[in-house]
Structure formats: C-alpha cells, structure tokens
Amino acid sequence: VQLQASGGGLVQAGGSLRLSCAASGRTFSSYAVGWFRQAPGKEREFVATIDLSGTSRYYADSVKGRFTISRDNAKNTVNLQMNSLNAGDTAVYYCAARRMSVGAVIPGLYDYWGQGTLVTVSS
C-alpha cells in the first residue's frame, strides 16, 4: 500500500488543521493506521492510531482531547483533526500503516509510511 499525507501548513497557536492520509490499493481496510510526528532534532513520536474498522482509537497524552483520528475505508483515507494547536505541535507529520487489526505506538512496527507533511504553529 502507498500512503500520501497532506494538509499541513502554517497556523497560529490556538488554530486548527486537518491532515489527511490517502492510501492506494483495495485492501486498505486490512491495515491499522497511525500518525507520528518528528520535530527538528527530535525522534519520531507517536501521535494517534486507529484500528481496521475505525472503532478503536488511541492517542498520545500530549494530544488527547485536542486531536481526533478517523478513517473512511470506502475512500481509503485516514484523517487527523488537530485543534487547539500550540508551538509544541510543530513537526513533520507522517501517516503509517501496518497489516494488523490494531495500531501500535512504536514506529518500527509499521510496514508502510507516507512522505510526511509539515505543520508549523506560530505563537
């Protein structure tokens, strides 16, 4: 499966952005999907994950209550709605997929990665 992340940009603190991850292939519904981010000089960190059906979601503590992950298997997309953004959310955001029923918080457990989309939050 090939993934393409989009929707990043420059936003003021307190604002919102919606990231999308578009997947190719007819078996997208067989993959759990995660969002990760990497700030300059830092390691890639887990943000959120969603299971095959979209009924189970899990978030990093740093984004819980502000970010919402969702998926539309008919459209082969996973979205990340980001609200109340702050400077600490500035990073390149990546979507990733693994052929398992549930996601994971460790990047190495994912099989496919998108190219990343840059989110910059100005304070």
PDB file of N, CA and C in Angstrom:
ATOM      1  N   VAL A   1       0.846  -1.180   0.000  1.00  0.00           N
ATOM      2  CA  VAL A   1       0.000   0.000   0.000  1.00  0.00           C
ATOM      3  C   VAL A   1       0.886   1.237   0.000  1.00  0.00           C
ATOM      4  N   GLN A   2       0.483   2.255  -0.727  1.00  0.00           N
ATOM      5  CA  GLN A   2       1.206   3.520  -0.758  1.00  0.00           C
ATOM      6  C   GLN A   2       0.386   4.578  -0.038  1.00  0.00           C
ATOM      7  N   LEU A   3       1.075   5.396   0.746  1.00  0.00           N
ATOM      8  CA  LEU A   3       0.406   6.409   1.552  1.00  0.00           C
ATOM      9  C   LEU A   3       0.891   7.795   1.164  1.00  0.00           C
ATOM     10  N   GLN A   4      -0.025   8.740   1.188  1.00  0.00           N
ATOM     11  CA  GLN A   4       0.336  10.129   0.916  1.00  0.00           C
ATOM     12  C   GLN A   4      -0.357  11.016   1.928  1.00  0.00           C
ATOM     13  N   ALA A   5       0.447  11.715   2.718  1.00  0.00           N
ATOM     14  CA  ALA A   5      -0.074  12.628   3.722  1.00  0.00           C
ATOM     15  C   ALA A   5      -0.174  14.033   3.140  1.00  0.00           C
ATOM     16  N   SER A   6      -1.192  14.763   3.552  1.00  0.00           N
ATOM     17  CA  SER A   6      -1.392  16.133   3.090  1.00  0.00           C
ATOM     18  C   SER A   6      -2.142  16.925   4.152  1.00  0.00           C
ATOM     19  N   GLY A   7      -2.212  18.225   3.936  1.00  0.00           N
ATOM     20  CA  GLY A   7      -2.989  19.075   4.822  1.00  0.00           C
ATOM     21  C   GLY A   7      -2.184  19.932   5.778  1.00  0.00           C
ATOM     22  N   GLY A   8      -0.865  19.768   5.775  1.00  0.00           N
ATOM     23  CA  GLY A   8      -0.046  20.576   6.660  1.00  0.00           C
ATOM     24  C   GLY A   8       0.001  22.026   6.213  1.00  0.00           C
ATOM     25  N   GLY A   9       0.561  22.857   7.067  1.00  0.00           N
ATOM     26  CA  GLY A   9       0.678  24.271   6.743  1.00  0.00           C
ATOM     27  C   GLY A   9       1.049  25.078   7.964  1.00  0.00           C
ATOM     28  N   LEU A  10       0.928  26.383   7.811  1.00  0.00           N
ATOM     29  CA  LEU A  10       1.244  27.323   8.883  1.00  0.00           C
ATOM     30  C   LEU A  10      -0.053  27.775   9.538  1.00  0.00           C
ATOM     31  N   VAL A  11      -0.099  27.690  10.852  1.00  0.00           N
ATOM     32  CA  VAL A  11      -1.308  28.074  11.577  1.00  0.00           C
ATOM     33  C   VAL A  11      -0.900  28.783  12.872  1.00  0.00           C
ATOM     34  N   GLN A  12      -1.721  29.689  13.319  1.00  0.00           N
ATOM     35  CA  GLN A  12      -1.450  30.370  14.577  1.00  0.00           C
ATOM     36  C   GLN A  12      -1.823  29.473  15.756  1.00  0.00           C
ATOM     37  N   ALA A  13      -1.167  29.718  16.867  1.00  0.00           N
ATOM     38  CA  ALA A  13      -1.489  28.978  18.082  1.00  0.00           C
ATOM     39  C   ALA A  13      -2.973  29.132  18.406  1.00  0.00           C
ATOM     40  N   GLY A  14      -3.573  28.017  18.786  1.00  0.00           N
ATOM     41  CA  GLY A  14      -4.996  28.005  19.052  1.00  0.00           C
ATOM     42  C   GLY A  14      -5.833  27.614  17.846  1.00  0.00           C
ATOM     43  N   GLY A  15      -5.217  27.566  16.688  1.00  0.00           N
ATOM     44  CA  GLY A  15      -5.925  27.234  15.471  1.00  0.00           C
ATOM     45  C   GLY A  15      -6.051  25.744  15.243  1.00  0.00           C
ATOM     46  N   SER A  16      -6.572  25.400  14.067  1.00  0.00           N
ATOM     47  CA  SER A  16      -6.843  24.004  13.724  1.00  0.00           C
ATOM     48  C   SER A  16      -6.317  23.673  12.332  1.00  0.00           C
ATOM     49  N   LEU A  17      -6.008  22.410  12.161  1.00  0.00           N
ATOM     50  CA  LEU A  17      -5.657  21.870  10.849  1.00  0.00           C
ATOM     51  C   LEU A  17      -6.222  20.466  10.747  1.00  0.00           C
ATOM     52  N   ARG A  18      -6.473  20.035   9.535  1.00  0.00           N
ATOM     53  CA  ARG A  18      -6.944  18.675   9.288  1.00  0.00           C
ATOM     54  C   ARG A  18      -5.980  17.998   8.327  1.00  0.00           C
ATOM     55  N   LEU A  19      -5.301  16.991   8.801  1.00  0.00           N
ATOM     56  CA  LEU A  19      -4.393  16.217   7.962  1.00  0.00           C
ATOM     57  C   LEU A  19      -5.129  15.027   7.368  1.00  0.00           C
ATOM     58  N   SER A  20      -4.737  14.672   6.172  1.00  0.00           N
ATOM     59  CA  SER A  20      -5.315  13.502   5.520  1.00  0.00           C
ATOM     60  C   SER A  20      -4.216  12.552   5.076  1.00  0.00           C
ATOM     61  N   CYS A  21      -4.514  11.289   5.126  1.00  0.00           N
ATOM     62  CA  CYS A  21      -3.610  10.243   4.650  1.00  0.00           C
ATOM     63  C   CYS A  21      -4.397   9.435   3.626  1.00  0.00           C
ATOM     64  N   ALA A  22      -3.997   9.542   2.372  1.00  0.00           N
ATOM     65  CA  ALA A  22      -4.669   8.818   1.293  1.00  0.00           C
ATOM     66  C   ALA A  22      -3.873   7.574   0.955  1.00  0.00           C
ATOM     67  N   ALA A  23      -4.558   6.462   0.838  1.00  0.00           N
ATOM     68  CA  ALA A  23      -3.897   5.190   0.573  1.00  0.00           C
ATOM     69  C   ALA A  23      -4.319   4.625  -0.770  1.00  0.00           C
ATOM     70  N   SER A  24      -3.380   4.014  -1.445  1.00  0.00           N
ATOM     71  CA  SER A  24      -3.686   3.305  -2.681  1.00  0.00           C
ATOM     72  C   SER A  24      -3.960   1.846  -2.358  1.00  0.00           C
ATOM     73  N   GLY A  25      -4.588   1.152  -3.269  1.00  0.00           N
ATOM     74  CA  GLY A  25      -4.826  -0.268  -3.049  1.00  0.00           C
ATOM     75  C   GLY A  25      -6.212  -0.552  -2.519  1.00  0.00           C
ATOM     76  N   ARG A  26      -6.698  -1.746  -2.793  1.00  0.00           N
ATOM     77  CA  ARG A  26      -8.056  -2.109  -2.424  1.00  0.00           C
ATOM     78  C   ARG A  26      -8.157  -2.778  -1.074  1.00  0.00           C
ATOM     79  N   THR A  27      -7.008  -2.960  -0.401  1.00  0.00           N
ATOM     80  CA  THR A  27      -7.026  -3.666   0.872  1.00  0.00           C
ATOM     81  C   THR A  27      -6.746  -2.747   2.052  1.00  0.00           C
ATOM     82  N   PHE A  28      -6.988  -1.473   1.876  1.00  0.00           N
ATOM     83  CA  PHE A  28      -6.686  -0.505   2.931  1.00  0.00           C
ATOM     84  C   PHE A  28      -7.391  -0.854   4.223  1.00  0.00           C
ATOM     85  N   SER A  29      -8.579  -1.427   4.118  1.00  0.00           N
ATOM     86  CA  SER A  29      -9.336  -1.781   5.314  1.00  0.00           C
ATOM     87  C   SER A  29      -8.681  -2.909   6.112  1.00  0.00           C
ATOM     88  N   SER A  30      -7.626  -3.490   5.584  1.00  0.00           N
ATOM     89  CA  SER A  30      -6.885  -4.545   6.288  1.00  0.00           C
ATOM     90  C   SER A  30      -5.720  -3.993   7.109  1.00  0.00           C
ATOM     91  N   TYR A  31      -5.586  -2.692   7.130  1.00  0.00           N
ATOM     92  CA  TYR A  31      -4.444  -2.056   7.792  1.00  0.00           C
ATOM     93  C   TYR A  31      -4.900  -1.136   8.925  1.00  0.00           C
ATOM     94  N   ALA A  32      -4.255  -1.294  10.060  1.00  0.00           N
ATOM     95  CA  ALA A  32      -4.366  -0.273  11.091  1.00  0.00           C
ATOM     96  C   ALA A  32      -3.442   0.880  10.698  1.00  0.00           C
ATOM     97  N   VAL A  33      -3.802   2.074  11.099  1.00  0.00           N
ATOM     98  CA  VAL A  33      -3.063   3.270  10.684  1.00  0.00           C
ATOM     99  C   VAL A  33      -2.675   4.098  11.899  1.00  0.00           C
ATOM    100  N   GLY A  34      -1.504   4.668  11.816  1.00  0.00           N
ATOM    101  CA  GLY A  34      -1.044   5.555  12.876  1.00  0.00           C
ATOM    102  C   GLY A  34      -0.530   6.855  12.311  1.00  0.00           C
ATOM    103  N   TRP A  35      -0.563   7.875  13.140  1.00  0.00           N
ATOM    104  CA  TRP A  35       0.068   9.158  12.831  1.00  0.00           C
ATOM    105  C   TRP A  35       1.237   9.339  13.801  1.00  0.00           C
ATOM    106  N   PHE A  36       2.350   9.789  13.257  1.00  0.00           N
ATOM    107  CA  PHE A  36       3.537  10.106  14.042  1.00  0.00           C
ATOM    108  C   PHE A  36       4.000  11.498  13.651  1.00  0.00           C
ATOM    109  N   ARG A  37       4.875  12.057  14.455  1.00  0.00           N
ATOM    110  CA  ARG A  37       5.434  13.348  14.113  1.00  0.00           C
ATOM    111  C   ARG A  37       6.890  13.408  14.541  1.00  0.00           C
ATOM    112  N   GLN A  38       7.623  14.265  13.863  1.00  0.00           N
ATOM    113  CA  GLN A  38       9.039  14.435  14.176  1.00  0.00           C
ATOM    114  C   GLN A  38       9.397  15.901  14.087  1.00  0.00           C
ATOM    115  N   ALA A  39       9.785  16.441  15.217  1.00  0.00           N
ATOM    116  CA  ALA A  39      10.235  17.827  15.278  1.00  0.00           C
ATOM    117  C   ALA A  39      11.734  17.870  15.013  1.00  0.00           C
ATOM    118  N   PRO A  40      12.244  19.027  14.580  1.00  0.00           N
ATOM    119  CA  PRO A  40      13.684  19.134  14.303  1.00  0.00           C
ATOM    120  C   PRO A  40      14.534  18.743  15.500  1.00  0.00           C
ATOM    121  N   GLY A  41      15.484  17.850  15.273  1.00  0.00           N
ATOM    122  CA  GLY A  41      16.387  17.435  16.325  1.00  0.00           C
ATOM    123  C   GLY A  41      15.819  16.448  17.315  1.00  0.00           C
ATOM    124  N   LYS A  42      14.606  15.990  17.059  1.00  0.00           N
ATOM    125  CA  LYS A  42      13.965  15.050  17.978  1.00  0.00           C
ATOM    126  C   LYS A  42      13.632  13.747  17.266  1.00  0.00           C
ATOM    127  N   GLU A  43      13.378  12.732  18.063  1.00  0.00           N
ATOM    128  CA  GLU A  43      12.988  11.441  17.499  1.00  0.00           C
ATOM    129  C   GLU A  43      11.524  11.478  17.065  1.00  0.00           C
ATOM    130  N   ARG A  44      11.200  10.555  16.175  1.00  0.00           N
ATOM    131  CA  ARG A  44       9.815  10.436  15.734  1.00  0.00           C
ATOM    132  C   ARG A  44       8.972   9.930  16.908  1.00  0.00           C
ATOM    133  N   GLU A  45       7.827  10.573  17.120  1.00  0.00           N
ATOM    134  CA  GLU A  45       6.992  10.197  18.250  1.00  0.00           C
ATOM    135  C   GLU A  45       5.577   9.874  17.804  1.00  0.00           C
ATOM    136  N   PHE A  46       4.971   9.000  18.565  1.00  0.00           N
ATOM    137  CA  PHE A  46       3.605   8.578  18.304  1.00  0.00           C
ATOM    138  C   PHE A  46       2.618   9.703  18.591  1.00  0.00           C
ATOM    139  N   VAL A  47       1.582   9.799  17.744  1.00  0.00           N
ATOM    140  CA  VAL A  47       0.531  10.787  17.938  1.00  0.00           C
ATOM    141  C   VAL A  47      -0.818  10.108  18.171  1.00  0.00           C
ATOM    142  N   ALA A  48      -1.232   9.255  17.231  1.00  0.00           N
ATOM    143  CA  ALA A  48      -2.549   8.625  17.335  1.00  0.00           C
ATOM    144  C   ALA A  48      -2.587   7.406  16.436  1.00  0.00           C
ATOM    145  N   THR A  49      -3.498   6.497  16.749  1.00  0.00           N
ATOM    146  CA  THR A  49      -3.675   5.327  15.912  1.00  0.00           C
ATOM    147  C   THR A  49      -5.140   4.913  15.894  1.00  0.00           C
ATOM    148  N   ILE A  50      -5.527   4.212  14.833  1.00  0.00           N
ATOM    149  CA  ILE A  50      -6.902   3.761  14.668  1.00  0.00           C
ATOM    150  C   ILE A  50      -6.886   2.341  14.106  1.00  0.00           C
ATOM    151  N   ASP A  51      -7.845   1.527  14.543  1.00  0.00           N
ATOM    152  CA  ASP A  51      -7.867   0.133  14.118  1.00  0.00           C
ATOM    153  C   ASP A  51      -8.525  -0.012  12.744  1.00  0.00           C
ATOM    154  N   LEU A  52      -8.686  -1.257  12.317  1.00  0.00           N
ATOM    155  CA  LEU A  52      -9.199  -1.535  10.978  1.00  0.00           C
ATOM    156  C   LEU A  52     -10.562  -0.913  10.723  1.00  0.00           C
ATOM    157  N   SER A  53     -11.444  -1.079  11.682  1.00  0.00           N
ATOM    158  CA  SER A  53     -12.827  -0.648  11.484  1.00  0.00           C
ATOM    159  C   SER A  53     -13.065   0.806  11.834  1.00  0.00           C
ATOM    160  N   GLY A  54     -12.109   1.401  12.532  1.00  0.00           N
ATOM    161  CA  GLY A  54     -12.282   2.786  12.941  1.00  0.00           C
ATOM    162  C   GLY A  54     -12.987   2.954  14.273  1.00  0.00           C
ATOM    163  N   THR A  55     -13.204   1.864  14.968  1.00  0.00           N
ATOM    164  CA  THR A  55     -13.928   1.953  16.234  1.00  0.00           C
ATOM    165  C   THR A  55     -13.017   2.095  17.437  1.00  0.00           C
ATOM    166  N   SER A  56     -11.755   1.745  17.301  1.00  0.00           N
ATOM    167  CA  SER A  56     -10.816   1.836  18.402  1.00  0.00           C
ATOM    168  C   SER A  56      -9.730   2.841  18.068  1.00  0.00           C
ATOM    169  N   ARG A  57      -9.571   3.824  18.945  1.00  0.00           N
ATOM    170  CA  ARG A  57      -8.585   4.873  18.748  1.00  0.00           C
ATOM    171  C   ARG A  57      -7.729   4.996  20.002  1.00  0.00           C
ATOM    172  N   TYR A  58      -6.498   5.436  19.786  1.00  0.00           N
ATOM    173  CA  TYR A  58      -5.597   5.633  20.909  1.00  0.00           C
ATOM    174  C   TYR A  58      -4.726   6.840  20.620  1.00  0.00           C
ATOM    175  N   TYR A  59      -4.528   7.666  21.656  1.00  0.00           N
ATOM    176  CA  TYR A  59      -3.813   8.927  21.474  1.00  0.00           C
ATOM    177  C   TYR A  59      -2.651   9.057  22.450  1.00  0.00           C
ATOM    178  N   ALA A  60      -1.648   9.794  22.026  1.00  0.00           N
ATOM    179  CA  ALA A  60      -0.600  10.197  22.946  1.00  0.00           C
ATOM    180  C   ALA A  60      -1.198  11.177  23.949  1.00  0.00           C
ATOM    181  N   ASP A  61      -0.677  11.162  25.151  1.00  0.00           N
ATOM    182  CA  ASP A  61      -1.201  12.053  26.187  1.00  0.00           C
ATOM    183  C   ASP A  61      -1.103  13.521  25.773  1.00  0.00           C
ATOM    184  N   SER A  62      -0.085  13.843  25.006  1.00  0.00           N
ATOM    185  CA  SER A  62       0.157  15.238  24.637  1.00  0.00           C
ATOM    186  C   SER A  62      -0.905  15.790  23.684  1.00  0.00           C
ATOM    187  N   VAL A  63      -1.656  14.910  23.024  1.00  0.00           N
ATOM    188  CA  VAL A  63      -2.658  15.392  22.064  1.00  0.00           C
ATOM    189  C   VAL A  63      -4.078  14.991  22.445  1.00  0.00           C
ATOM    190  N   LYS A  64      -4.210  14.200  23.487  1.00  0.00           N
ATOM    191  CA  LYS A  64      -5.525  13.706  23.891  1.00  0.00           C
ATOM    192  C   LYS A  64      -6.451  14.869  24.210  1.00  0.00           C
ATOM    193  N   GLY A  65      -7.651  14.818  23.665  1.00  0.00           N
ATOM    194  CA  GLY A  65      -8.621  15.875  23.873  1.00  0.00           C
ATOM    195  C   GLY A  65      -8.520  17.001  22.863  1.00  0.00           C
ATOM    196  N   ARG A  66      -7.437  17.034  22.081  1.00  0.00           N
ATOM    197  CA  ARG A  66      -7.257  18.092  21.076  1.00  0.00           C
ATOM    198  C   ARG A  66      -7.285  17.521  19.657  1.00  0.00           C
ATOM    199  N   PHE A  67      -6.764  16.306  19.485  1.00  0.00           N
ATOM    200  CA  PHE A  67      -6.686  15.674  18.174  1.00  0.00           C
ATOM    201  C   PHE A  67      -7.708  14.546  18.088  1.00  0.00           C
ATOM    202  N   THR A  68      -8.227  14.341  16.876  1.00  0.00           N
ATOM    203  CA  THR A  68      -9.153  13.239  16.626  1.00  0.00           C
ATOM    204  C   THR A  68      -8.760  12.523  15.347  1.00  0.00           C
ATOM    205  N   ILE A  69      -8.578  11.215  15.452  1.00  0.00           N
ATOM    206  CA  ILE A  69      -8.248  10.411  14.280  1.00  0.00           C
ATOM    207  C   ILE A  69      -9.521   9.703  13.817  1.00  0.00           C
ATOM    208  N   SER A  70      -9.689   9.626  12.498  1.00  0.00           N
ATOM    209  CA  SER A  70     -10.852   8.947  11.930  1.00  0.00           C
ATOM    210  C   SER A  70     -10.451   8.329  10.598  1.00  0.00           C
ATOM    211  N   ARG A  71     -11.291   7.430  10.107  1.00  0.00           N
ATOM    212  CA  ARG A  71     -10.981   6.806   8.822  1.00  0.00           C
ATOM    213  C   ARG A  71     -12.265   6.562   8.040  1.00  0.00           C
ATOM    214  N   ASP A  72     -12.099   6.557   6.716  1.00  0.00           N
ATOM    215  CA  ASP A  72     -13.190   6.236   5.813  1.00  0.00           C
ATOM    216  C   ASP A  72     -12.644   5.183   4.856  1.00  0.00           C
ATOM    217  N   ASN A  73     -12.927   3.934   5.129  1.00  0.00           N
ATOM    218  CA  ASN A  73     -12.366   2.861   4.315  1.00  0.00           C
ATOM    219  C   ASN A  73     -12.904   2.872   2.886  1.00  0.00           C
ATOM    220  N   ALA A  74     -14.098   3.384   2.699  1.00  0.00           N
ATOM    221  CA  ALA A  74     -14.644   3.467   1.340  1.00  0.00           C
ATOM    222  C   ALA A  74     -13.835   4.445   0.488  1.00  0.00           C
ATOM    223  N   LYS A  75     -13.249   5.431   1.136  1.00  0.00           N
ATOM    224  CA  LYS A  75     -12.448   6.435   0.422  1.00  0.00           C
ATOM    225  C   LYS A  75     -10.954   6.222   0.606  1.00  0.00           C
ATOM    226  N   ASN A  76     -10.580   5.170   1.331  1.00  0.00           N
ATOM    227  CA  ASN A  76      -9.158   4.872   1.573  1.00  0.00           C
ATOM    228  C   ASN A  76      -8.421   6.052   2.201  1.00  0.00           C
ATOM    229  N   THR A  77      -9.040   6.666   3.187  1.00  0.00           N
ATOM    230  CA  THR A  77      -8.414   7.809   3.842  1.00  0.00           C
ATOM    231  C   THR A  77      -8.480   7.699   5.362  1.00  0.00           C
ATOM    232  N   VAL A  78      -7.484   8.259   5.995  1.00  0.00           N
ATOM    233  CA  VAL A  78      -7.456   8.448   7.440  1.00  0.00           C
ATOM    234  C   VAL A  78      -7.161   9.917   7.697  1.00  0.00           C
ATOM    235  N   ASN A  79      -7.940  10.525   8.543  1.00  0.00           N
ATOM    236  CA  ASN A  79      -7.782  11.937   8.839  1.00  0.00           C
ATOM    237  C   ASN A  79      -7.331  12.162  10.278  1.00  0.00           C
ATOM    238  N   LEU A  80      -6.667  13.260  10.474  1.00  0.00           N
ATOM    239  CA  LEU A  80      -6.266  13.685  11.815  1.00  0.00           C
ATOM    240  C   LEU A  80      -6.710  15.129  11.987  1.00  0.00           C
ATOM    241  N   GLN A  81      -7.758  15.334  12.742  1.00  0.00           N
ATOM    242  CA  GLN A  81      -8.236  16.675  13.043  1.00  0.00           C
ATOM    243  C   GLN A  81      -7.478  17.195  14.247  1.00  0.00           C
ATOM    244  N   MET A  82      -6.809  18.324  14.079  1.00  0.00           N
ATOM    245  CA  MET A  82      -5.978  18.877  15.127  1.00  0.00           C
ATOM    246  C   MET A  82      -6.520  20.230  15.545  1.00  0.00           C
ATOM    247  N   ASN A  83      -6.940  20.341  16.783  1.00  0.00           N
ATOM    248  CA  ASN A  83      -7.478  21.588  17.324  1.00  0.00           C
ATOM    249  C   ASN A  83      -6.595  22.108  18.443  1.00  0.00           C
ATOM    250  N   SER A  84      -6.789  23.358  18.780  1.00  0.00           N
ATOM    251  CA  SER A  84      -6.040  23.992  19.876  1.00  0.00           C
ATOM    252  C   SER A  84      -4.538  23.767  19.732  1.00  0.00           C
ATOM    253  N   LEU A  85      -4.056  24.008  18.557  1.00  0.00           N
ATOM    254  CA  LEU A  85      -2.638  23.762  18.278  1.00  0.00           C
ATOM    255  C   LEU A  85      -1.757  24.731  19.050  1.00  0.00           C
ATOM    256  N   ASN A  86      -0.581  24.232  19.434  1.00  0.00           N
ATOM    257  CA  ASN A  86       0.404  25.077  20.098  1.00  0.00           C
ATOM    258  C   ASN A  86       1.764  24.841  19.465  1.00  0.00           C
ATOM    259  N   ALA A  87       2.731  25.643  19.885  1.00  0.00           N
ATOM    260  CA  ALA A  87       4.055  25.586  19.260  1.00  0.00           C
ATOM    261  C   ALA A  87       4.675  24.198  19.400  1.00  0.00           C
ATOM    262  N   GLY A  88       4.331  23.489  20.439  1.00  0.00           N
ATOM    263  CA  GLY A  88       4.867  22.147  20.648  1.00  0.00           C
ATOM    264  C   GLY A  88       4.373  21.127  19.646  1.00  0.00           C
ATOM    265  N   ASP A  89       3.367  21.493  18.864  1.00  0.00           N
ATOM    266  CA  ASP A  89       2.852  20.593  17.836  1.00  0.00           C
ATOM    267  C   ASP A  89       3.574  20.759  16.503  1.00  0.00           C
ATOM    268  N   THR A  90       4.484  21.723  16.421  1.00  0.00           N
ATOM    269  CA  THR A  90       5.236  21.940  15.193  1.00  0.00           C
ATOM    270  C   THR A  90       6.116  20.740  14.894  1.00  0.00           C
ATOM    271  N   ALA A  91       5.938  20.159  13.708  1.00  0.00           N
ATOM    272  CA  ALA A  91       6.684  18.958  13.340  1.00  0.00           C
ATOM    273  C   ALA A  91       6.282  18.545  11.928  1.00  0.00           C
ATOM    274  N   VAL A  92       7.027  17.591  11.396  1.00  0.00           N
ATOM    275  CA  VAL A  92       6.586  16.896  10.191  1.00  0.00           C
ATOM    276  C   VAL A  92       5.728  15.719  10.650  1.00  0.00           C
ATOM    277  N   TYR A  93       4.540  15.621  10.108  1.00  0.00           N
ATOM    278  CA  TYR A  93       3.604  14.576  10.485  1.00  0.00           C
ATOM    279  C   TYR A  93       3.588  13.490   9.405  1.00  0.00           C
ATOM    280  N   TYR A  94       3.667  12.250   9.878  1.00  0.00           N
ATOM    281  CA  TYR A  94       3.688  11.099   8.991  1.00  0.00           C
ATOM    282  C   TYR A  94       2.522  10.167   9.309  1.00  0.00           C
ATOM    283  N   CYS A  95       1.925   9.600   8.272  1.00  0.00           N
ATOM    284  CA  CYS A  95       0.991   8.512   8.499  1.00  0.00           C
ATOM    285  C   CYS A  95       1.686   7.195   8.143  1.00  0.00           C
ATOM    286  N   ALA A  96       1.260   6.155   8.806  1.00  0.00           N
ATOM    287  CA  ALA A  96       1.872   4.847   8.622  1.00  0.00           C
ATOM    288  C   ALA A  96       0.802   3.764   8.727  1.00  0.00           C
ATOM    289  N   ALA A  97       1.046   2.636   8.085  1.00  0.00           N
ATOM    290  CA  ALA A  97       0.074   1.540   8.081  1.00  0.00           C
ATOM    291  C   ALA A  97       0.758   0.227   8.422  1.00  0.00           C
ATOM    292  N   ARG A  98       0.012  -0.623   9.114  1.00  0.00           N
ATOM    293  CA  ARG A  98       0.502  -1.962   9.418  1.00  0.00           C
ATOM    294  C   ARG A  98      -0.632  -2.958   9.191  1.00  0.00           C
ATOM    295  N   ARG A  99      -0.276  -4.126   8.660  1.00  0.00           N
ATOM    296  CA  ARG A  99      -1.297  -5.099   8.319  1.00  0.00           C
ATOM    297  C   ARG A  99      -1.667  -5.917   9.558  1.00  0.00           C
ATOM    298  N   MET A 100      -2.250  -5.211  10.502  1.00  0.00           N
ATOM    299  CA  MET A 100      -2.712  -5.792  11.744  1.00  0.00           C
ATOM    300  C   MET A 100      -4.062  -5.151  12.077  1.00  0.00           C
ATOM    301  N   SER A 101      -4.774  -5.791  12.992  1.00  0.00           N
ATOM    302  CA  SER A 101      -6.103  -5.277  13.324  1.00  0.00           C
ATOM    303  C   SER A 101      -6.045  -4.011  14.167  1.00  0.00           C
ATOM    304  N   VAL A 102      -4.983  -3.869  14.938  1.00  0.00           N
ATOM    305  CA  VAL A 102      -4.846  -2.686  15.793  1.00  0.00           C
ATOM    306  C   VAL A 102      -3.510  -2.018  15.528  1.00  0.00           C
ATOM    307  N   GLY A 103      -3.442  -0.732  15.878  1.00  0.00           N
ATOM    308  CA  GLY A 103      -2.224   0.002  15.666  1.00  0.00           C
ATOM    309  C   GLY A 103      -1.203  -0.221  16.766  1.00  0.00           C
ATOM    310  N   ALA A 104      -0.147   0.552  16.711  1.00  0.00           N
ATOM    311  CA  ALA A 104       0.930   0.449  17.686  1.00  0.00           C
ATOM    312  C   ALA A 104       1.547   1.820  17.898  1.00  0.00           C
ATOM    313  N   VAL A 105       2.244   1.982  19.010  1.00  0.00           N
ATOM    314  CA  VAL A 105       2.863   3.270  19.314  1.00  0.00           C
ATOM    315  C   VAL A 105       4.330   3.308  18.902  1.00  0.00           C
ATOM    316  N   ILE A 106       4.885   2.196  18.481  1.00  0.00           N
ATOM    317  CA  ILE A 106       6.293   2.112  18.097  1.00  0.00           C
ATOM    318  C   ILE A 106       6.407   2.214  16.587  1.00  0.00           C
ATOM    319  N   PRO A 107       7.175   3.172  16.089  1.00  0.00           N
ATOM    320  CA  PRO A 107       7.274   3.353  14.632  1.00  0.00           C
ATOM    321  C   PRO A 107       7.741   2.104  13.893  1.00  0.00           C
ATOM    322  N   GLY A 108       8.647   1.365  14.486  1.00  0.00           N
ATOM    323  CA  GLY A 108       9.209   0.194  13.823  1.00  0.00           C
ATOM    324  C   GLY A 108       8.220  -0.924  13.567  1.00  0.00           C
ATOM    325  N   LEU A 109       7.039  -0.839  14.147  1.00  0.00           N
ATOM    326  CA  LEU A 109       6.032  -1.881  13.954  1.00  0.00           C
ATOM    327  C   LEU A 109       5.127  -1.607  12.761  1.00  0.00           C
ATOM    328  N   TYR A 110       5.384  -0.527  12.049  1.00  0.00           N
ATOM    329  CA  TYR A 110       4.599  -0.188  10.858  1.00  0.00           C
ATOM    330  C   TYR A 110       5.356  -0.579   9.602  1.00  0.00           C
ATOM    331  N   ASP A 111       4.598  -1.002   8.605  1.00  0.00           N
ATOM    332  CA  ASP A 111       5.202  -1.516   7.379  1.00  0.00           C
ATOM    333  C   ASP A 111       5.324  -0.474   6.281  1.00  0.00           C
ATOM    334  N   TYR A 112       4.422   0.482   6.263  1.00  0.00           N
ATOM    335  CA  TYR A 112       4.377   1.469   5.187  1.00  0.00           C
ATOM    336  C   TYR A 112       4.274   2.868   5.776  1.00  0.00           C
ATOM    337  N   TRP A 113       4.936   3.810   5.086  1.00  0.00           N
ATOM    338  CA  TRP A 113       4.972   5.196   5.555  1.00  0.00           C
ATOM    339  C   TRP A 113       4.679   6.145   4.410  1.00  0.00           C
ATOM    340  N   GLY A 114       3.982   7.222   4.733  1.00  0.00           N
ATOM    341  CA  GLY A 114       3.819   8.313   3.802  1.00  0.00           C
ATOM    342  C   GLY A 114       5.019   9.233   3.857  1.00  0.00           C
ATOM    343  N   GLN A 115       5.024  10.255   3.025  1.00  0.00           N
ATOM    344  CA  GLN A 115       6.199  11.114   2.881  1.00  0.00           C
ATOM    345  C   GLN A 115       6.253  12.226   3.912  1.00  0.00           C
ATOM    346  N   GLY A 116       5.206  12.457   4.652  1.00  0.00           N
ATOM    347  CA  GLY A 116       5.211  13.495   5.669  1.00  0.00           C
ATOM    348  C   GLY A 116       4.657  14.820   5.172  1.00  0.00           C
ATOM    349  N   THR A 117       4.040  15.539   6.090  1.00  0.00           N
ATOM    350  CA  THR A 117       3.521  16.868   5.788  1.00  0.00           C
ATOM    351  C   THR A 117       3.868  17.783   6.958  1.00  0.00           C
ATOM    352  N   LEU A 118       4.355  18.980   6.655  1.00  0.00           N
ATOM    353  CA  LEU A 118       4.887  19.875   7.683  1.00  0.00           C
ATOM    354  C   LEU A 118       3.773  20.708   8.300  1.00  0.00           C
ATOM    355  N   VAL A 119       3.734  20.704   9.612  1.00  0.00           N
ATOM    356  CA  VAL A 119       2.829  21.550  10.382  1.00  0.00           C
ATOM    357  C   VAL A 119       3.665  22.531  11.190  1.00  0.00           C
ATOM    358  N   THR A 120       3.404  23.812  11.005  1.00  0.00           N
ATOM    359  CA  THR A 120       4.110  24.852  11.735  1.00  0.00           C
ATOM    360  C   THR A 120       3.098  25.698  12.481  1.00  0.00           C
ATOM    361  N   VAL A 121       3.262  25.773  13.791  1.00  0.00           N
ATOM    362  CA  VAL A 121       2.360  26.551  14.626  1.00  0.00           C
ATOM    363  C   VAL A 121       3.119  27.764  15.137  1.00  0.00           C
ATOM    364  N   SER A 122       2.631  28.933  14.801  1.00  0.00           N
ATOM    365  CA  SER A 122       3.285  30.162  15.237  1.00  0.00           C
ATOM    366  C   SER A 122       2.649  30.659  16.527  1.00  0.00           C
ATOM    367  N   SER A 123       3.500  31.120  17.430  1.00  0.00           N
ATOM    368  CA  SER A 123       2.991  31.582  18.728  1.00  0.00           C
ATOM    369  C   SER A 123       2.807  33.080  18.751  1.00  0.00           C
TER     370      SER A 123
END
